[in-house]
Amino acid sequence: MSEKNKLHTGELYLPGDKEITDYQTQCLERLYEYNATRPGEYAKRTALLKMMFATIGEGCYIEPPFHSNFGGAHCHFGKMVYANFNLTLVDDTHIYVGDNTMFGPNVTVATAGHPIEPSLRLDVYQYNIPVHIGRNCWIGAGAIILPGVTIGDNTVIGAGSVVTNDIPEGVVAFGNPCRVRREISEHDRKIYFRHKQIPQELIDKYDLNRKAVRGGK
């Protein structure tokens, strides 16, 4: 098996292999072009993302500068995904992100790892494990998501968190290491920040009272 074929198998491989680096350089050329676009070139950015990503849904937007080992070539985004400045995708293997998920500034999602054994690291061996992020998640500023992690739908990851293990759906989680702190609850259907109340017209529009009664998320 070639080294390039091991990108997505979880096996140890050598990332400096010429077939890999030639492929990676092609991807990074498109990433460079994306980051060089002007603020008003929205249509060009959209077209480039469709070329760069493995799959990407309608309405996605990534604010430059955007950093990615393979320029998004192994990334699968749903619809209406938004990422603020300095999103870093270590996409040596697949990263899956569901519809309507948001990334704060300076978030890192990493799929690549290196052996603990020093002699293997001297020869720069690497392995890659995919990451899955659900629908309608909010990943706070500066969060780091490590290889192999799955985050469930509708979950909030607090700013600065280091996510080392799976996080279920419908929760607020934060910390280093990131841990579930509470479920998203009736309180969140009334209060959006500290003591600031959600306006009644929005409660009515989104039927938040009924959701609270039936325990919906």
N, C-alpha and C. Protein backbone atom coordinates (compact mmCIF):
# COMPACT_ATOMS: atom_id res chain seq x y z
N MET A 1 0.84 -1.20 0.00
CA MET A 1 0.00 0.00 0.00
C MET A 1 0.87 1.25 0.00
N SER A 2 0.54 2.21 -0.84
CA SER A 2 1.32 3.45 -0.90
C SER A 2 1.10 4.27 0.37
N GLU A 3 2.04 5.19 0.65
CA GLU A 3 1.90 6.07 1.81
C GLU A 3 0.65 6.94 1.67
N LYS A 4 0.35 7.41 0.46
CA LYS A 4 -0.83 8.25 0.25
C LYS A 4 -2.12 7.51 0.58
N ASN A 5 -2.16 6.23 0.28
CA ASN A 5 -3.36 5.45 0.58
C ASN A 5 -3.59 5.27 2.07
N LYS A 6 -2.55 5.48 2.87
CA LYS A 6 -2.68 5.34 4.33
C LYS A 6 -3.21 6.59 5.01
N LEU A 7 -3.41 7.67 4.25
CA LEU A 7 -3.94 8.90 4.86
C LEU A 7 -5.24 8.64 5.61
N HIS A 8 -6.07 7.73 5.09
CA HIS A 8 -7.42 7.57 5.62
C HIS A 8 -7.65 6.20 6.27
N THR A 9 -6.58 5.47 6.56
CA THR A 9 -6.75 4.13 7.15
C THR A 9 -6.47 4.08 8.65
N GLY A 10 -5.88 5.15 9.21
CA GLY A 10 -5.48 5.13 10.61
C GLY A 10 -4.14 4.48 10.85
N GLU A 11 -3.48 4.00 9.79
CA GLU A 11 -2.17 3.37 9.93
C GLU A 11 -1.06 4.41 10.04
N LEU A 12 0.07 3.99 10.57
CA LEU A 12 1.25 4.85 10.56
C LEU A 12 1.76 4.99 9.12
N TYR A 13 2.17 6.22 8.78
CA TYR A 13 2.69 6.47 7.44
C TYR A 13 3.68 7.63 7.51
N LEU A 14 4.34 7.88 6.39
CA LEU A 14 5.34 8.94 6.30
C LEU A 14 4.79 10.10 5.48
N PRO A 15 4.44 11.22 6.11
CA PRO A 15 3.80 12.33 5.40
C PRO A 15 4.71 13.04 4.42
N GLY A 16 6.02 12.81 4.49
CA GLY A 16 6.93 13.45 3.56
C GLY A 16 7.07 12.72 2.23
N ASP A 17 6.30 11.65 2.06
CA ASP A 17 6.31 10.92 0.80
C ASP A 17 6.01 11.86 -0.37
N LYS A 18 6.72 11.72 -1.49
CA LYS A 18 6.60 12.67 -2.60
C LYS A 18 5.20 12.70 -3.19
N GLU A 19 4.54 11.57 -3.29
CA GLU A 19 3.17 11.55 -3.83
C GLU A 19 2.24 12.39 -2.96
N ILE A 20 2.43 12.29 -1.64
CA ILE A 20 1.60 13.08 -0.71
C ILE A 20 1.92 14.56 -0.82
N THR A 21 3.20 14.90 -0.81
CA THR A 21 3.56 16.32 -0.81
C THR A 21 3.19 17.01 -2.13
N ASP A 22 3.28 16.28 -3.25
CA ASP A 22 2.85 16.86 -4.52
C ASP A 22 1.36 17.16 -4.50
N TYR A 23 0.58 16.20 -4.01
CA TYR A 23 -0.87 16.38 -3.88
C TYR A 23 -1.19 17.52 -2.92
N GLN A 24 -0.49 17.57 -1.79
CA GLN A 24 -0.73 18.60 -0.80
C GLN A 24 -0.42 19.99 -1.36
N THR A 25 0.64 20.10 -2.12
CA THR A 25 1.01 21.40 -2.70
C THR A 25 -0.08 21.91 -3.64
N GLN A 26 -0.66 21.03 -4.43
CA GLN A 26 -1.77 21.43 -5.32
C GLN A 26 -2.93 21.99 -4.50
N CYS A 27 -3.25 21.32 -3.40
CA CYS A 27 -4.34 21.79 -2.53
C CYS A 27 -4.02 23.14 -1.92
N LEU A 28 -2.77 23.32 -1.50
CA LEU A 28 -2.38 24.56 -0.83
C LEU A 28 -2.32 25.75 -1.80
N GLU A 29 -2.11 25.48 -3.07
CA GLU A 29 -2.15 26.56 -4.05
C GLU A 29 -3.55 27.19 -4.10
N ARG A 30 -4.59 26.37 -4.05
CA ARG A 30 -5.95 26.89 -4.03
C ARG A 30 -6.25 27.62 -2.72
N LEU A 31 -5.73 27.08 -1.61
CA LEU A 31 -5.92 27.75 -0.33
C LEU A 31 -5.27 29.13 -0.34
N TYR A 32 -4.09 29.22 -0.92
CA TYR A 32 -3.40 30.52 -1.04
C TYR A 32 -4.27 31.50 -1.83
N GLU A 33 -4.85 31.02 -2.92
CA GLU A 33 -5.70 31.87 -3.74
C GLU A 33 -6.92 32.35 -2.95
N TYR A 34 -7.50 31.45 -2.15
CA TYR A 34 -8.66 31.82 -1.34
C TYR A 34 -8.30 32.93 -0.36
N ASN A 35 -7.19 32.76 0.33
CA ASN A 35 -6.79 33.74 1.35
C ASN A 35 -6.36 35.07 0.74
N ALA A 36 -6.08 35.08 -0.56
CA ALA A 36 -5.69 36.31 -1.25
C ALA A 36 -6.88 37.07 -1.82
N THR A 37 -8.09 36.53 -1.68
CA THR A 37 -9.26 37.23 -2.21
C THR A 37 -9.54 38.51 -1.43
N ARG A 38 -10.19 39.44 -2.10
CA ARG A 38 -10.58 40.70 -1.48
C ARG A 38 -11.93 40.52 -0.77
N PRO A 39 -12.24 41.38 0.22
CA PRO A 39 -13.48 41.23 0.98
C PRO A 39 -14.74 41.23 0.13
N GLY A 40 -14.72 41.97 -0.99
CA GLY A 40 -15.90 42.02 -1.83
C GLY A 40 -16.05 40.87 -2.80
N GLU A 41 -15.08 39.98 -2.84
CA GLU A 41 -15.10 38.88 -3.82
C GLU A 41 -15.81 37.65 -3.26
N TYR A 42 -17.03 37.86 -2.83
CA TYR A 42 -17.78 36.79 -2.18
C TYR A 42 -18.03 35.63 -3.13
N ALA A 43 -18.43 35.93 -4.37
CA ALA A 43 -18.72 34.88 -5.35
C ALA A 43 -17.47 34.05 -5.65
N LYS A 44 -16.32 34.72 -5.73
CA LYS A 44 -15.07 33.99 -5.98
C LYS A 44 -14.74 33.08 -4.81
N ARG A 45 -14.94 33.56 -3.58
CA ARG A 45 -14.69 32.72 -2.41
C ARG A 45 -15.59 31.49 -2.42
N THR A 46 -16.86 31.69 -2.74
CA THR A 46 -17.79 30.56 -2.78
C THR A 46 -17.36 29.53 -3.82
N ALA A 47 -16.96 30.01 -4.99
CA ALA A 47 -16.53 29.10 -6.05
C ALA A 47 -15.26 28.34 -5.66
N LEU A 48 -14.33 29.02 -5.01
CA LEU A 48 -13.10 28.36 -4.59
C LEU A 48 -13.36 27.30 -3.53
N LEU A 49 -14.24 27.59 -2.57
CA LEU A 49 -14.56 26.59 -1.55
C LEU A 49 -15.13 25.33 -2.17
N LYS A 50 -15.95 25.48 -3.20
CA LYS A 50 -16.52 24.30 -3.86
C LYS A 50 -15.44 23.49 -4.58
N MET A 51 -14.39 24.17 -5.03
CA MET A 51 -13.26 23.47 -5.65
C MET A 51 -12.37 22.82 -4.59
N MET A 52 -12.20 23.49 -3.46
CA MET A 52 -11.25 23.06 -2.44
C MET A 52 -11.74 21.91 -1.59
N PHE A 53 -13.02 21.93 -1.23
CA PHE A 53 -13.55 20.97 -0.26
C PHE A 53 -13.98 19.67 -0.93
N ALA A 54 -13.93 18.58 -0.15
CA ALA A 54 -14.45 17.31 -0.64
C ALA A 54 -15.94 17.45 -0.94
N THR A 55 -16.69 17.99 0.04
CA THR A 55 -18.10 18.35 -0.16
C THR A 55 -18.38 19.58 0.69
N ILE A 56 -19.21 20.48 0.16
CA ILE A 56 -19.58 21.67 0.91
C ILE A 56 -20.97 22.12 0.46
N GLY A 57 -21.86 22.38 1.44
CA GLY A 57 -23.23 22.74 1.13
C GLY A 57 -23.38 24.22 0.80
N GLU A 58 -24.59 24.57 0.43
CA GLU A 58 -24.90 25.95 0.08
C GLU A 58 -24.84 26.85 1.32
N GLY A 59 -24.44 28.10 1.10
CA GLY A 59 -24.46 29.10 2.16
C GLY A 59 -23.33 29.03 3.15
N CYS A 60 -22.30 28.24 2.89
CA CYS A 60 -21.16 28.17 3.81
C CYS A 60 -20.23 29.37 3.59
N TYR A 61 -19.61 29.82 4.68
CA TYR A 61 -18.69 30.95 4.57
C TYR A 61 -17.56 30.76 5.57
N ILE A 62 -16.34 30.91 5.10
CA ILE A 62 -15.15 30.84 5.95
C ILE A 62 -14.39 32.14 5.80
N GLU A 63 -14.24 32.86 6.88
CA GLU A 63 -13.57 34.16 6.87
C GLU A 63 -12.06 33.95 6.74
N PRO A 64 -11.40 34.52 5.72
CA PRO A 64 -9.94 34.46 5.67
C PRO A 64 -9.33 35.27 6.83
N PRO A 65 -8.13 34.91 7.30
CA PRO A 65 -7.35 33.78 6.80
C PRO A 65 -7.86 32.43 7.32
N PHE A 66 -7.82 31.47 6.41
CA PHE A 66 -8.24 30.10 6.67
C PHE A 66 -7.00 29.22 6.50
N HIS A 67 -6.76 28.33 7.46
CA HIS A 67 -5.57 27.49 7.43
C HIS A 67 -6.00 26.02 7.37
N SER A 68 -5.34 25.25 6.51
CA SER A 68 -5.73 23.86 6.34
C SER A 68 -4.59 23.08 5.71
N ASN A 69 -4.27 21.92 6.29
CA ASN A 69 -3.15 21.13 5.77
C ASN A 69 -3.34 20.73 4.32
N PHE A 70 -4.59 20.40 3.95
CA PHE A 70 -4.89 20.00 2.57
C PHE A 70 -5.95 20.90 1.95
N GLY A 71 -6.05 22.12 2.45
CA GLY A 71 -6.92 23.11 1.83
C GLY A 71 -8.39 22.73 1.80
N GLY A 72 -8.80 21.85 2.73
CA GLY A 72 -10.20 21.43 2.77
C GLY A 72 -10.51 20.20 1.93
N ALA A 73 -9.50 19.61 1.30
CA ALA A 73 -9.72 18.50 0.37
C ALA A 73 -10.32 17.27 1.04
N HIS A 74 -10.17 17.16 2.36
CA HIS A 74 -10.73 16.01 3.07
C HIS A 74 -11.85 16.44 4.03
N CYS A 75 -12.45 17.62 3.77
CA CYS A 75 -13.47 18.17 4.65
C CYS A 75 -14.85 18.07 3.99
N HIS A 76 -15.84 17.77 4.81
CA HIS A 76 -17.22 17.57 4.36
C HIS A 76 -18.12 18.47 5.20
N PHE A 77 -18.52 19.60 4.66
CA PHE A 77 -19.36 20.56 5.38
C PHE A 77 -20.79 20.47 4.84
N GLY A 78 -21.76 20.55 5.76
CA GLY A 78 -23.15 20.65 5.37
C GLY A 78 -23.49 22.07 4.91
N LYS A 79 -24.77 22.41 4.99
CA LYS A 79 -25.22 23.74 4.57
C LYS A 79 -25.05 24.77 5.69
N MET A 80 -24.82 26.03 5.28
CA MET A 80 -24.85 27.18 6.19
C MET A 80 -23.86 27.07 7.34
N VAL A 81 -22.71 26.49 7.09
CA VAL A 81 -21.64 26.45 8.09
C VAL A 81 -20.88 27.77 8.02
N TYR A 82 -20.61 28.36 9.19
CA TYR A 82 -19.89 29.63 9.26
C TYR A 82 -18.64 29.47 10.12
N ALA A 83 -17.53 30.03 9.65
CA ALA A 83 -16.29 30.02 10.43
C ALA A 83 -15.69 31.41 10.44
N ASN A 84 -15.35 31.88 11.63
CA ASN A 84 -14.72 33.18 11.79
C ASN A 84 -13.22 33.07 11.49
N PHE A 85 -12.49 34.16 11.71
CA PHE A 85 -11.08 34.25 11.36
C PHE A 85 -10.25 33.10 11.95
N ASN A 86 -9.25 32.66 11.16
CA ASN A 86 -8.20 31.74 11.63
C ASN A 86 -8.71 30.35 11.98
N LEU A 87 -9.74 29.87 11.28
CA LEU A 87 -10.08 28.46 11.41
C LEU A 87 -8.91 27.64 10.89
N THR A 88 -8.46 26.65 11.68
CA THR A 88 -7.39 25.75 11.28
C THR A 88 -7.93 24.34 11.22
N LEU A 89 -7.92 23.75 10.04
CA LEU A 89 -8.36 22.37 9.84
C LEU A 89 -7.14 21.52 9.49
N VAL A 90 -6.72 20.70 10.42
CA VAL A 90 -5.63 19.76 10.15
C VAL A 90 -6.28 18.54 9.49
N ASP A 91 -6.58 18.71 8.21
CA ASP A 91 -7.43 17.76 7.50
C ASP A 91 -6.61 16.71 6.74
N ASP A 92 -5.69 16.07 7.44
CA ASP A 92 -4.92 15.00 6.83
C ASP A 92 -5.80 13.79 6.54
N THR A 93 -6.91 13.66 7.27
CA THR A 93 -7.99 12.76 6.90
C THR A 93 -9.31 13.50 7.08
N HIS A 94 -10.42 12.79 7.07
CA HIS A 94 -11.73 13.42 6.91
C HIS A 94 -12.21 14.16 8.17
N ILE A 95 -12.79 15.33 7.93
CA ILE A 95 -13.48 16.13 8.94
C ILE A 95 -14.91 16.34 8.44
N TYR A 96 -15.89 15.97 9.27
CA TYR A 96 -17.30 16.08 8.91
C TYR A 96 -17.96 17.11 9.81
N VAL A 97 -18.67 18.07 9.22
CA VAL A 97 -19.34 19.14 9.97
C VAL A 97 -20.77 19.26 9.46
N GLY A 98 -21.75 19.22 10.38
CA GLY A 98 -23.15 19.25 10.00
C GLY A 98 -23.66 20.65 9.68
N ASP A 99 -24.88 20.69 9.14
CA ASP A 99 -25.53 21.95 8.77
C ASP A 99 -25.58 22.94 9.93
N ASN A 100 -25.42 24.23 9.60
CA ASN A 100 -25.66 25.34 10.53
C ASN A 100 -24.72 25.41 11.72
N THR A 101 -23.61 24.70 11.66
CA THR A 101 -22.62 24.79 12.74
C THR A 101 -21.78 26.06 12.57
N MET A 102 -21.40 26.66 13.70
CA MET A 102 -20.60 27.88 13.70
C MET A 102 -19.29 27.67 14.45
N PHE A 103 -18.22 28.23 13.89
CA PHE A 103 -16.91 28.21 14.53
C PHE A 103 -16.52 29.64 14.90
N GLY A 104 -16.16 29.86 16.15
CA GLY A 104 -15.60 31.14 16.56
C GLY A 104 -14.19 31.31 16.01
N PRO A 105 -13.58 32.48 16.24
CA PRO A 105 -12.22 32.69 15.74
C PRO A 105 -11.21 31.77 16.43
N ASN A 106 -10.18 31.44 15.67
CA ASN A 106 -9.01 30.69 16.20
C ASN A 106 -9.33 29.28 16.67
N VAL A 107 -10.31 28.64 16.05
CA VAL A 107 -10.61 27.24 16.36
C VAL A 107 -9.69 26.32 15.56
N THR A 108 -9.24 25.23 16.19
CA THR A 108 -8.44 24.21 15.53
C THR A 108 -9.16 22.87 15.60
N VAL A 109 -9.28 22.21 14.45
CA VAL A 109 -9.80 20.85 14.39
C VAL A 109 -8.70 19.98 13.79
N ALA A 110 -8.19 19.03 14.58
CA ALA A 110 -7.02 18.25 14.17
C ALA A 110 -7.37 16.78 13.99
N THR A 111 -6.94 16.20 12.88
CA THR A 111 -7.10 14.76 12.68
C THR A 111 -5.78 14.01 12.78
N ALA A 112 -4.66 14.73 12.77
CA ALA A 112 -3.35 14.10 12.69
C ALA A 112 -2.72 13.93 14.07
N GLY A 113 -2.01 12.83 14.25
CA GLY A 113 -1.27 12.59 15.48
C GLY A 113 0.06 11.92 15.17
N HIS A 114 0.93 11.90 16.19
CA HIS A 114 2.24 11.28 16.05
C HIS A 114 2.47 10.32 17.21
N PRO A 115 3.21 9.25 16.99
CA PRO A 115 3.42 8.27 18.06
C PRO A 115 4.12 8.87 19.28
N ILE A 116 3.80 8.34 20.44
CA ILE A 116 4.51 8.74 21.66
C ILE A 116 5.95 8.23 21.63
N GLU A 117 6.19 7.07 21.05
CA GLU A 117 7.52 6.47 20.97
C GLU A 117 8.49 7.39 20.23
N PRO A 118 9.57 7.87 20.91
CA PRO A 118 10.45 8.87 20.31
C PRO A 118 11.13 8.42 19.03
N SER A 119 11.51 7.15 18.93
CA SER A 119 12.25 6.70 17.74
C SER A 119 11.39 6.78 16.49
N LEU A 120 10.07 6.55 16.63
CA LEU A 120 9.18 6.68 15.49
C LEU A 120 9.01 8.14 15.08
N ARG A 121 8.99 9.02 16.08
CA ARG A 121 8.86 10.45 15.77
C ARG A 121 10.10 11.00 15.07
N LEU A 122 11.27 10.41 15.35
CA LEU A 122 12.49 10.85 14.67
C LEU A 122 12.36 10.69 13.15
N ASP A 123 11.64 9.67 12.73
CA ASP A 123 11.42 9.46 11.30
C ASP A 123 10.10 10.06 10.83
N VAL A 124 9.44 10.84 11.72
CA VAL A 124 8.27 11.65 11.41
C VAL A 124 7.06 10.81 10.99
N TYR A 125 6.91 9.64 11.62
CA TYR A 125 5.70 8.85 11.36
C TYR A 125 4.47 9.58 11.90
N GLN A 126 3.37 9.36 11.24
CA GLN A 126 2.11 10.05 11.56
C GLN A 126 0.95 9.07 11.38
N TYR A 127 -0.18 9.39 12.01
CA TYR A 127 -1.42 8.66 11.78
C TYR A 127 -2.55 9.68 11.80
N ASN A 128 -3.67 9.35 11.18
CA ASN A 128 -4.81 10.27 11.09
C ASN A 128 -6.10 9.56 11.49
N ILE A 129 -6.91 10.24 12.32
CA ILE A 129 -8.20 9.71 12.76
C ILE A 129 -9.25 10.78 12.50
N PRO A 130 -10.38 10.43 11.85
CA PRO A 130 -11.37 11.45 11.47
C PRO A 130 -12.08 12.09 12.65
N VAL A 131 -12.63 13.28 12.43
CA VAL A 131 -13.41 14.03 13.42
C VAL A 131 -14.82 14.25 12.86
N HIS A 132 -15.83 14.13 13.74
CA HIS A 132 -17.22 14.35 13.35
C HIS A 132 -17.83 15.43 14.27
N ILE A 133 -18.37 16.48 13.68
CA ILE A 133 -19.06 17.54 14.42
C ILE A 133 -20.48 17.62 13.88
N GLY A 134 -21.46 17.62 14.79
CA GLY A 134 -22.86 17.51 14.39
C GLY A 134 -23.46 18.79 13.83
N ARG A 135 -24.78 18.75 13.69
CA ARG A 135 -25.54 19.88 13.16
C ARG A 135 -25.78 20.92 14.25
N ASN A 136 -25.80 22.19 13.83
CA ASN A 136 -26.22 23.31 14.70
C ASN A 136 -25.40 23.39 15.98
N CYS A 137 -24.12 23.11 15.87
CA CYS A 137 -23.21 23.26 17.01
C CYS A 137 -22.59 24.66 16.99
N TRP A 138 -22.17 25.09 18.15
CA TRP A 138 -21.42 26.34 18.28
C TRP A 138 -20.09 25.99 18.95
N ILE A 139 -19.00 26.16 18.21
CA ILE A 139 -17.66 25.87 18.71
C ILE A 139 -17.02 27.21 19.06
N GLY A 140 -16.82 27.47 20.36
CA GLY A 140 -16.37 28.78 20.82
C GLY A 140 -14.94 29.10 20.44
N ALA A 141 -14.61 30.37 20.54
CA ALA A 141 -13.31 30.89 20.12
C ALA A 141 -12.16 30.14 20.80
N GLY A 142 -11.16 29.79 20.01
CA GLY A 142 -9.95 29.18 20.55
C GLY A 142 -10.08 27.74 20.97
N ALA A 143 -11.21 27.10 20.69
CA ALA A 143 -11.36 25.68 21.04
C ALA A 143 -10.45 24.82 20.17
N ILE A 144 -10.00 23.71 20.74
CA ILE A 144 -9.16 22.74 20.02
C ILE A 144 -9.84 21.39 20.09
N ILE A 145 -10.10 20.80 18.92
CA ILE A 145 -10.77 19.50 18.83
C ILE A 145 -9.76 18.50 18.30
N LEU A 146 -9.51 17.43 19.05
CA LEU A 146 -8.42 16.51 18.76
C LEU A 146 -8.88 15.31 17.93
N PRO A 147 -7.93 14.55 17.37
CA PRO A 147 -8.27 13.44 16.48
C PRO A 147 -9.24 12.44 17.10
N GLY A 148 -10.18 11.95 16.28
CA GLY A 148 -11.09 10.90 16.69
C GLY A 148 -12.31 11.36 17.44
N VAL A 149 -12.46 12.65 17.71
CA VAL A 149 -13.56 13.17 18.52
C VAL A 149 -14.85 13.23 17.69
N THR A 150 -15.98 12.93 18.35
CA THR A 150 -17.31 13.15 17.80
C THR A 150 -18.07 14.08 18.73
N ILE A 151 -18.68 15.12 18.17
CA ILE A 151 -19.50 16.08 18.92
C ILE A 151 -20.93 15.99 18.39
N GLY A 152 -21.91 15.80 19.29
CA GLY A 152 -23.29 15.61 18.89
C GLY A 152 -23.98 16.89 18.44
N ASP A 153 -25.16 16.72 17.84
CA ASP A 153 -25.95 17.85 17.34
C ASP A 153 -26.32 18.83 18.45
N ASN A 154 -26.42 20.10 18.10
CA ASN A 154 -26.95 21.17 18.97
C ASN A 154 -26.09 21.47 20.19
N THR A 155 -24.88 20.99 20.22
CA THR A 155 -24.02 21.16 21.40
C THR A 155 -23.19 22.44 21.29
N VAL A 156 -22.91 23.05 22.43
CA VAL A 156 -22.06 24.24 22.53
C VAL A 156 -20.75 23.84 23.21
N ILE A 157 -19.63 24.15 22.56
CA ILE A 157 -18.30 23.94 23.13
C ILE A 157 -17.75 25.30 23.52
N GLY A 158 -17.46 25.50 24.81
CA GLY A 158 -17.04 26.79 25.32
C GLY A 158 -15.68 27.23 24.79
N ALA A 159 -15.48 28.53 24.78
CA ALA A 159 -14.23 29.11 24.29
C ALA A 159 -13.03 28.55 25.04
N GLY A 160 -11.97 28.27 24.31
CA GLY A 160 -10.72 27.82 24.91
C GLY A 160 -10.70 26.36 25.33
N SER A 161 -11.74 25.62 25.03
CA SER A 161 -11.80 24.21 25.44
C SER A 161 -10.84 23.35 24.63
N VAL A 162 -10.36 22.27 25.25
CA VAL A 162 -9.56 21.27 24.56
C VAL A 162 -10.37 19.98 24.59
N VAL A 163 -10.91 19.60 23.44
CA VAL A 163 -11.85 18.47 23.37
C VAL A 163 -11.07 17.21 23.04
N THR A 164 -10.91 16.35 24.04
CA THR A 164 -10.10 15.14 23.89
C THR A 164 -10.95 13.89 23.74
N ASN A 165 -12.24 13.97 24.11
CA ASN A 165 -13.13 12.82 24.04
C ASN A 165 -14.48 13.23 23.46
N ASP A 166 -15.30 12.25 23.09
CA ASP A 166 -16.60 12.53 22.50
C ASP A 166 -17.48 13.34 23.45
N ILE A 167 -18.29 14.23 22.87
CA ILE A 167 -19.25 15.05 23.60
C ILE A 167 -20.64 14.75 23.03
N PRO A 168 -21.65 14.46 23.87
CA PRO A 168 -22.97 14.09 23.34
C PRO A 168 -23.73 15.29 22.79
N GLU A 169 -24.91 15.03 22.26
CA GLU A 169 -25.73 16.09 21.70
C GLU A 169 -26.45 16.87 22.80
N GLY A 170 -26.81 18.12 22.48
CA GLY A 170 -27.68 18.91 23.33
C GLY A 170 -27.12 19.31 24.67
N VAL A 171 -25.81 19.58 24.74
CA VAL A 171 -25.19 19.95 26.01
C VAL A 171 -24.31 21.18 25.84
N VAL A 172 -23.98 21.78 26.99
CA VAL A 172 -22.93 22.80 27.06
C VAL A 172 -21.72 22.14 27.69
N ALA A 173 -20.58 22.20 27.02
CA ALA A 173 -19.36 21.56 27.50
C ALA A 173 -18.20 22.54 27.36
N PHE A 174 -17.31 22.52 28.34
CA PHE A 174 -16.14 23.40 28.25
C PHE A 174 -15.08 22.92 29.21
N GLY A 175 -13.88 23.49 29.06
CA GLY A 175 -12.77 23.18 29.96
C GLY A 175 -11.63 22.48 29.25
N ASN A 176 -10.56 22.26 30.03
CA ASN A 176 -9.38 21.55 29.54
C ASN A 176 -8.97 20.49 30.58
N PRO A 177 -9.34 19.22 30.31
CA PRO A 177 -10.05 18.74 29.12
C PRO A 177 -11.52 19.12 29.16
N CYS A 178 -12.13 19.19 27.98
CA CYS A 178 -13.53 19.59 27.85
C CYS A 178 -14.44 18.52 28.48
N ARG A 179 -15.38 18.99 29.32
CA ARG A 179 -16.34 18.09 29.97
C ARG A 179 -17.74 18.67 29.84
N VAL A 180 -18.72 17.79 29.85
CA VAL A 180 -20.12 18.23 29.84
C VAL A 180 -20.41 18.91 31.17
N ARG A 181 -20.95 20.13 31.13
CA ARG A 181 -21.29 20.87 32.35
C ARG A 181 -22.79 20.84 32.63
N ARG A 182 -23.60 20.82 31.58
CA ARG A 182 -25.05 20.74 31.77
C ARG A 182 -25.72 20.48 30.44
N GLU A 183 -26.98 20.08 30.50
CA GLU A 183 -27.78 19.95 29.29
C GLU A 183 -28.35 21.32 28.91
N ILE A 184 -28.63 21.50 27.63
CA ILE A 184 -29.38 22.67 27.19
C ILE A 184 -30.81 22.50 27.70
N SER A 185 -31.34 23.54 28.37
CA SER A 185 -32.54 23.36 29.19
C SER A 185 -33.57 24.46 28.94
N GLU A 186 -34.64 24.41 29.73
CA GLU A 186 -35.69 25.43 29.66
C GLU A 186 -35.13 26.82 29.92
N HIS A 187 -34.16 26.93 30.79
CA HIS A 187 -33.52 28.22 31.07
C HIS A 187 -33.00 28.88 29.79
N ASP A 188 -32.42 28.07 28.90
CA ASP A 188 -31.84 28.60 27.67
C ASP A 188 -32.90 29.04 26.68
N ARG A 189 -34.14 28.67 26.90
CA ARG A 189 -35.24 29.11 26.05
C ARG A 189 -35.83 30.43 26.54
N LYS A 190 -35.29 30.94 27.64
CA LYS A 190 -35.74 32.22 28.18
C LYS A 190 -34.62 33.25 28.26
N ILE A 191 -33.39 32.79 28.54
CA ILE A 191 -32.25 33.68 28.78
C ILE A 191 -31.17 33.37 27.74
N TYR A 192 -30.65 34.42 27.06
CA TYR A 192 -29.61 34.17 26.07
C TYR A 192 -28.22 34.56 26.54
N PHE A 193 -28.11 35.42 27.57
CA PHE A 193 -26.80 35.79 28.10
C PHE A 193 -26.98 36.36 29.49
N ARG A 194 -26.36 35.69 30.48
CA ARG A 194 -26.48 36.13 31.87
C ARG A 194 -27.95 36.35 32.22
N HIS A 195 -28.34 37.62 32.45
CA HIS A 195 -29.74 37.87 32.83
C HIS A 195 -30.54 38.50 31.70
N LYS A 196 -30.00 38.46 30.50
CA LYS A 196 -30.70 39.06 29.36
C LYS A 196 -31.75 38.09 28.82
N GLN A 197 -33.00 38.56 28.75
CA GLN A 197 -34.10 37.70 28.36
C GLN A 197 -34.31 37.70 26.85
N ILE A 198 -34.67 36.54 26.33
CA ILE A 198 -35.06 36.42 24.93
C ILE A 198 -36.39 37.16 24.74
N PRO A 199 -36.49 38.06 23.77
CA PRO A 199 -37.75 38.79 23.56
C PRO A 199 -38.93 37.84 23.32
N GLN A 200 -40.09 38.25 23.83
CA GLN A 200 -41.26 37.40 23.73
C GLN A 200 -41.61 37.06 22.29
N GLU A 201 -41.38 38.01 21.36
CA GLU A 201 -41.72 37.72 19.96
C GLU A 201 -40.87 36.60 19.38
N LEU A 202 -39.61 36.46 19.88
CA LEU A 202 -38.78 35.35 19.43
C LEU A 202 -39.19 34.05 20.09
N ILE A 203 -39.58 34.13 21.35
CA ILE A 203 -40.11 32.94 22.03
C ILE A 203 -41.32 32.41 21.28
N ASP A 204 -42.20 33.33 20.88
CA ASP A 204 -43.40 32.93 20.13
C ASP A 204 -43.03 32.42 18.73
N LYS A 205 -42.10 33.12 18.06
CA LYS A 205 -41.73 32.76 16.70
C LYS A 205 -41.16 31.35 16.62
N TYR A 206 -40.31 31.01 17.58
CA TYR A 206 -39.66 29.71 17.55
C TYR A 206 -40.35 28.68 18.45
N ASP A 207 -41.51 29.07 19.01
CA ASP A 207 -42.32 28.14 19.79
C ASP A 207 -41.53 27.56 20.97
N LEU A 208 -40.75 28.43 21.62
CA LEU A 208 -39.84 27.95 22.65
C LEU A 208 -40.58 27.44 23.89
N ASN A 209 -41.73 28.02 24.18
CA ASN A 209 -42.50 27.54 25.34
C ASN A 209 -42.95 26.10 25.16
N ARG A 210 -43.45 25.78 23.96
CA ARG A 210 -43.88 24.42 23.70
C ARG A 210 -42.72 23.45 23.75
N LYS A 211 -41.54 23.88 23.22
CA LYS A 211 -40.37 23.03 23.28
C LYS A 211 -39.99 22.73 24.73
N ALA A 212 -40.09 23.74 25.58
CA ALA A 212 -39.77 23.54 26.99
C ALA A 212 -40.72 22.55 27.64
N VAL A 213 -42.01 22.65 27.31
CA VAL A 213 -43.00 21.76 27.91
C VAL A 213 -42.78 20.32 27.51
N ARG A 214 -42.47 20.11 26.22
CA ARG A 214 -42.33 18.73 25.77
C ARG A 214 -40.88 18.23 25.85
N GLY A 215 -39.98 19.10 26.35
CA GLY A 215 -38.59 18.67 26.54
C GLY A 215 -37.81 18.58 25.26
N GLY A 216 -38.25 19.27 24.22
CA GLY A 216 -37.58 19.20 22.94
C GLY A 216 -36.28 19.98 22.95
N LYS A 217 -35.39 19.59 22.04
CA LYS A 217 -34.11 20.28 21.85
C LYS A 217 -34.10 20.93 20.48
